[in-house]
Protein backbone atom coordinates (compact mmCIF):
# COMPACT_ATOMS: atom_id res chain seq x y z
CA MET A 1 -14.85 -30.39 39.51
CA GLY A 2 -11.79 -31.71 41.30
CA LYS A 3 -10.93 -33.88 44.26
CA GLU A 4 -7.54 -34.79 45.75
CA GLY A 5 -5.73 -33.07 42.90
CA LYS A 6 -7.54 -35.00 40.18
CA PRO A 7 -10.55 -34.17 37.98
CA GLU A 8 -13.90 -35.82 38.54
CA LEU A 9 -14.64 -36.71 34.93
CA GLY A 10 -18.27 -36.22 33.98
CA THR A 11 -18.92 -33.68 36.73
CA ALA A 12 -19.05 -29.95 36.05
CA HIS A 13 -20.04 -26.72 37.76
CA SER A 14 -21.22 -23.54 36.05
CA VAL A 15 -20.49 -20.01 37.22
CA THR A 16 -22.33 -16.85 36.23
CA ILE A 17 -20.06 -13.83 35.87
CA PRO A 18 -21.83 -10.46 36.15
CA ASN A 19 -20.54 -7.74 33.81
CA PHE A 20 -18.83 -10.40 31.73
CA ASN A 21 -17.40 -7.97 29.18
CA GLU A 22 -15.77 -5.90 31.92
CA PHE A 23 -14.24 -9.03 33.45
CA TRP A 24 -11.65 -9.30 30.68
CA VAL A 25 -8.36 -7.43 30.26
CA VAL A 26 -7.83 -6.86 26.54
CA ASP A 27 -4.74 -6.14 24.48
CA LYS A 28 -6.22 -3.66 22.02
CA ILE A 29 -3.39 -4.10 19.53
CA HIS A 30 -3.27 -7.89 19.43
CA ASP A 31 -6.07 -10.44 19.44
CA ILE A 32 -5.54 -11.61 23.03
CA ALA A 33 -7.32 -11.15 26.35
CA ILE A 34 -6.94 -12.45 29.90
CA ALA A 35 -9.27 -12.80 32.88
CA PRO A 36 -8.42 -13.21 36.57
CA ILE A 37 -9.72 -16.56 37.83
CA ALA A 38 -8.77 -16.09 41.50
CA PRO A 39 -12.14 -14.41 42.31
CA ILE A 40 -13.96 -17.36 40.72
CA ILE A 41 -11.91 -19.93 42.64
CA ASN A 42 -12.42 -18.04 45.91
CA HIS A 43 -16.15 -17.79 45.28
CA LEU A 44 -16.41 -21.54 44.64
CA GLN A 45 -14.33 -22.42 47.70
CA GLU A 46 -16.57 -20.25 49.86
CA ASN A 47 -19.43 -22.41 48.63
CA GLN A 48 -17.54 -25.63 49.41
CA THR A 49 -16.88 -26.33 45.72
CA THR A 50 -13.43 -27.40 44.53
CA ILE A 51 -12.55 -27.26 40.85
CA PHE A 52 -9.72 -28.91 38.97
CA PHE A 53 -7.45 -26.70 36.88
CA LYS A 54 -3.88 -26.61 35.63
CA ALA A 55 -1.77 -23.47 35.40
CA ILE A 56 1.05 -22.96 32.92
CA PRO A 57 4.25 -22.24 34.92
CA ARG A 58 6.29 -19.19 33.98
CA THR A 59 9.23 -21.55 33.37
CA PHE A 60 7.31 -23.06 30.42
CA VAL A 61 7.56 -19.76 28.53
CA PRO A 62 10.67 -19.90 26.33
CA ASN A 63 13.32 -17.22 26.73
CA GLU A 64 15.09 -15.60 23.80
CA PHE A 65 17.81 -18.26 23.69
CA GLN A 66 15.26 -21.10 23.71
CA LEU A 67 13.18 -19.43 21.00
CA ARG A 68 16.20 -19.06 18.74
CA SER A 69 16.92 -22.76 19.12
CA LEU A 70 13.58 -23.50 17.42
CA ASP A 71 12.84 -23.52 13.72
CA ALA A 72 10.10 -24.45 11.28
CA ILE A 73 8.93 -28.11 11.35
CA GLU A 74 8.94 -28.28 15.17
CA GLU A 75 6.26 -30.54 16.66
CA VAL A 76 3.43 -28.69 18.41
CA ILE A 77 0.18 -29.60 20.14
CA PHE A 78 -2.80 -27.38 20.96
CA VAL A 79 -5.81 -27.88 23.20
CA GLY A 80 -9.27 -26.48 22.55
CA TYR A 81 -12.76 -26.85 21.15
CA PRO A 82 -12.59 -26.99 17.34
CA GLY A 83 -15.99 -26.18 15.91
CA GLY A 84 -17.32 -26.20 19.48
CA PHE A 85 -16.61 -29.94 19.63
CA TYR A 86 -15.56 -31.65 22.90
CA ASP A 87 -16.24 -34.76 25.00
CA GLU A 88 -19.65 -33.79 26.35
CA ARG A 89 -19.83 -36.75 28.71
CA HIS A 90 -16.50 -36.20 30.43
CA PHE A 91 -16.14 -32.44 29.76
CA LEU A 92 -12.75 -32.85 28.10
CA PRO A 93 -11.28 -30.63 25.36
CA ILE A 94 -9.69 -31.94 22.16
CA VAL A 95 -5.92 -32.20 21.70
CA ARG A 96 -4.53 -31.79 18.19
CA LYS A 97 -1.03 -31.60 16.77
CA GLY A 98 0.94 -30.10 13.91
CA ILE A 99 4.25 -28.42 13.14
CA THR A 100 5.58 -24.90 13.14
CA ALA A 101 5.23 -23.46 9.64
CA THR A 102 7.50 -20.49 10.37
CA PRO A 103 10.29 -20.16 12.97
CA PRO A 104 8.78 -19.07 16.33
CA TYR A 105 11.55 -16.52 16.97
CA ILE A 106 10.70 -14.60 13.78
CA ASP A 107 7.83 -12.09 13.88
CA PHE A 108 5.72 -13.25 10.94
CA ASN A 109 4.81 -10.27 8.72
CA GLY A 110 6.05 -8.01 11.52
CA TRP A 111 3.51 -9.33 14.05
CA LYS A 112 4.42 -10.90 17.38
CA ALA A 113 3.21 -14.15 15.88
CA PHE A 114 4.22 -17.24 13.93
CA LEU A 115 2.36 -19.84 11.87
CA ILE A 116 1.61 -23.49 12.49
CA ASP A 117 0.70 -26.11 9.89
CA ALA A 118 -2.16 -27.99 11.52
CA SER A 119 -5.84 -28.78 11.17
CA VAL A 120 -7.12 -25.54 12.69
CA PHE A 121 -10.85 -24.81 12.69
CA PRO A 122 -12.95 -21.89 13.97
CA GLY A 123 -13.58 -22.52 17.66
CA SER A 124 -9.89 -23.15 18.29
CA SER A 125 -9.25 -19.46 18.91
CA GLY A 126 -7.60 -19.03 22.29
CA SER A 127 -6.21 -22.57 22.33
CA PRO A 128 -2.79 -22.76 24.04
CA VAL A 129 -0.04 -23.99 21.72
CA PHE A 130 2.85 -26.03 23.11
CA LEU A 131 6.08 -27.28 21.64
CA TYR A 132 6.09 -30.94 22.63
CA ASN A 133 8.79 -33.54 22.10
CA ARG A 134 8.59 -36.95 23.73
CA GLY A 135 11.44 -39.42 23.55
CA SER A 136 13.88 -37.38 21.47
CA TYR A 137 14.37 -34.11 19.65
CA PHE A 138 16.98 -32.25 17.62
CA ASP A 139 18.80 -29.45 19.43
CA LYS A 140 19.53 -26.74 16.87
CA THR A 141 22.09 -24.98 19.10
CA THR A 142 24.28 -28.08 19.59
CA LYS A 143 23.28 -29.66 16.26
CA SER A 144 22.68 -32.99 17.97
CA PHE A 145 19.82 -35.32 18.83
CA ILE A 146 18.73 -35.49 22.45
CA ILE A 147 17.61 -39.04 23.24
CA GLY A 148 15.36 -40.18 26.09
CA ALA A 149 14.12 -36.72 27.05
CA GLU A 150 10.93 -34.67 26.96
CA ARG A 151 10.59 -31.01 26.05
CA LEU A 152 7.48 -28.93 26.70
CA LEU A 153 7.27 -25.18 26.07
CA PHE A 154 4.33 -22.80 25.95
CA LEU A 155 4.64 -20.96 22.64
CA GLY A 156 1.44 -18.89 22.53
CA ILE A 157 -2.27 -19.00 21.71
CA LEU A 158 -4.12 -19.58 18.46
CA SER A 159 -5.80 -16.52 17.06
CA ALA A 160 -7.06 -17.30 13.56
CA VAL A 161 -6.73 -19.55 10.54
CA TYR A 162 -5.99 -18.61 6.95
CA HIS A 163 -8.53 -19.39 4.28
CA ILE A 164 -9.01 -18.69 0.58
CA PRO A 165 -12.29 -17.88 -1.17
CA ASP A 166 -13.62 -20.49 -3.53
CA THR A 167 -16.61 -20.62 -5.85
CA GLY A 168 -18.99 -23.54 -6.07
CA GLU A 169 -21.99 -24.08 -8.31
CA ILE A 170 -25.37 -25.43 -7.23
CA ILE A 171 -27.68 -26.65 -10.02
CA TYR A 172 -31.42 -26.79 -9.43
CA ALA A 173 -33.27 -29.31 -11.65
CA SER A 174 -36.32 -27.07 -11.92
CA LEU A 175 -34.42 -23.92 -12.91
CA SER A 176 -32.37 -23.02 -15.95
CA LYS A 177 -30.07 -20.71 -13.97
CA MET A 178 -27.09 -21.96 -12.07
CA PRO A 179 -26.63 -19.74 -8.98
CA LYS A 180 -23.11 -19.46 -7.64
CA VAL A 181 -22.24 -19.35 -3.96
CA LYS A 182 -19.01 -18.31 -2.29
CA VAL A 183 -17.40 -20.76 0.11
CA ARG A 184 -14.17 -20.74 2.07
CA GLN A 185 -11.42 -23.31 1.91
CA LEU A 186 -9.19 -23.56 4.99
CA LEU A 187 -5.45 -23.59 4.35
CA ASP A 188 -4.66 -25.33 7.67
CA LEU A 189 -2.33 -22.48 8.58
CA GLY A 190 -3.00 -21.12 12.05
CA ILE A 191 -1.79 -17.78 13.42
CA VAL A 192 -0.25 -18.09 16.90
CA TYR A 193 0.36 -14.99 19.01
CA LYS A 194 3.55 -15.44 21.00
CA ALA A 195 3.59 -16.30 24.70
CA GLU A 196 5.51 -13.12 25.51
CA LEU A 197 2.39 -11.09 24.68
CA ILE A 198 0.34 -13.00 27.24
CA VAL A 199 3.10 -12.59 29.85
CA ASN A 200 3.31 -8.84 29.16
CA LEU A 201 -0.47 -8.44 29.49
CA ILE A 202 -0.51 -10.34 32.79
CA GLU A 203 2.35 -8.24 34.16
CA GLU A 204 0.63 -5.03 33.06
CA PHE A 205 -2.55 -6.14 34.83
CA LEU A 206 -0.66 -7.02 38.03
CA LYS A 207 1.23 -3.70 37.99
CA LYS A 208 -2.03 -1.78 37.85
CA ARG A 209 -3.20 -3.76 40.88
CA GLY A 210 0.07 -3.02 42.67
CA GLU A 211 0.92 -6.72 42.96
CA ILE A 212 4.33 -6.49 41.28
């Protein structure tokens, strides 16, 4: 819920979406999807309900020049619900941070994606990933430190996390056998699909609607 441009922490409103699967616009090649929220907002306003939300401006999406100024070991933050965990009293998501593990301008393994080194857990899929520098940062293009400035760019959304199989042994005192079970060990390497894919999907959706 929202009032006077601010959230009312601890207050929420649920919405039932009929034909939920048909509500989404899916990129069948990449693991991304979008949904128009204008119908939801209009429906709520018609029922005298105002919600608080923040949109990501188009200017936050880095252009080619900005992308090429970034490298590995850039500071990033991402917002989501790792393991389904969130502040249940105030209805707030969890913010986490890490670094780029591969340069964002390079298509990792030929995908429109790059990797981040961060504590990424299942449930974080779909989390927006931002480059975030507060106070100072190194500008690769000018090879100089920028002091007393902030930088915030929308780099993409988390899709998955790498893991490796591992084998553990469980010993039962009453049995002579030692059954083995397979477990997974997370590598803390998240796959981020680039922001340009989300922009392209939105533009494709709007073109079909005749809005651009």
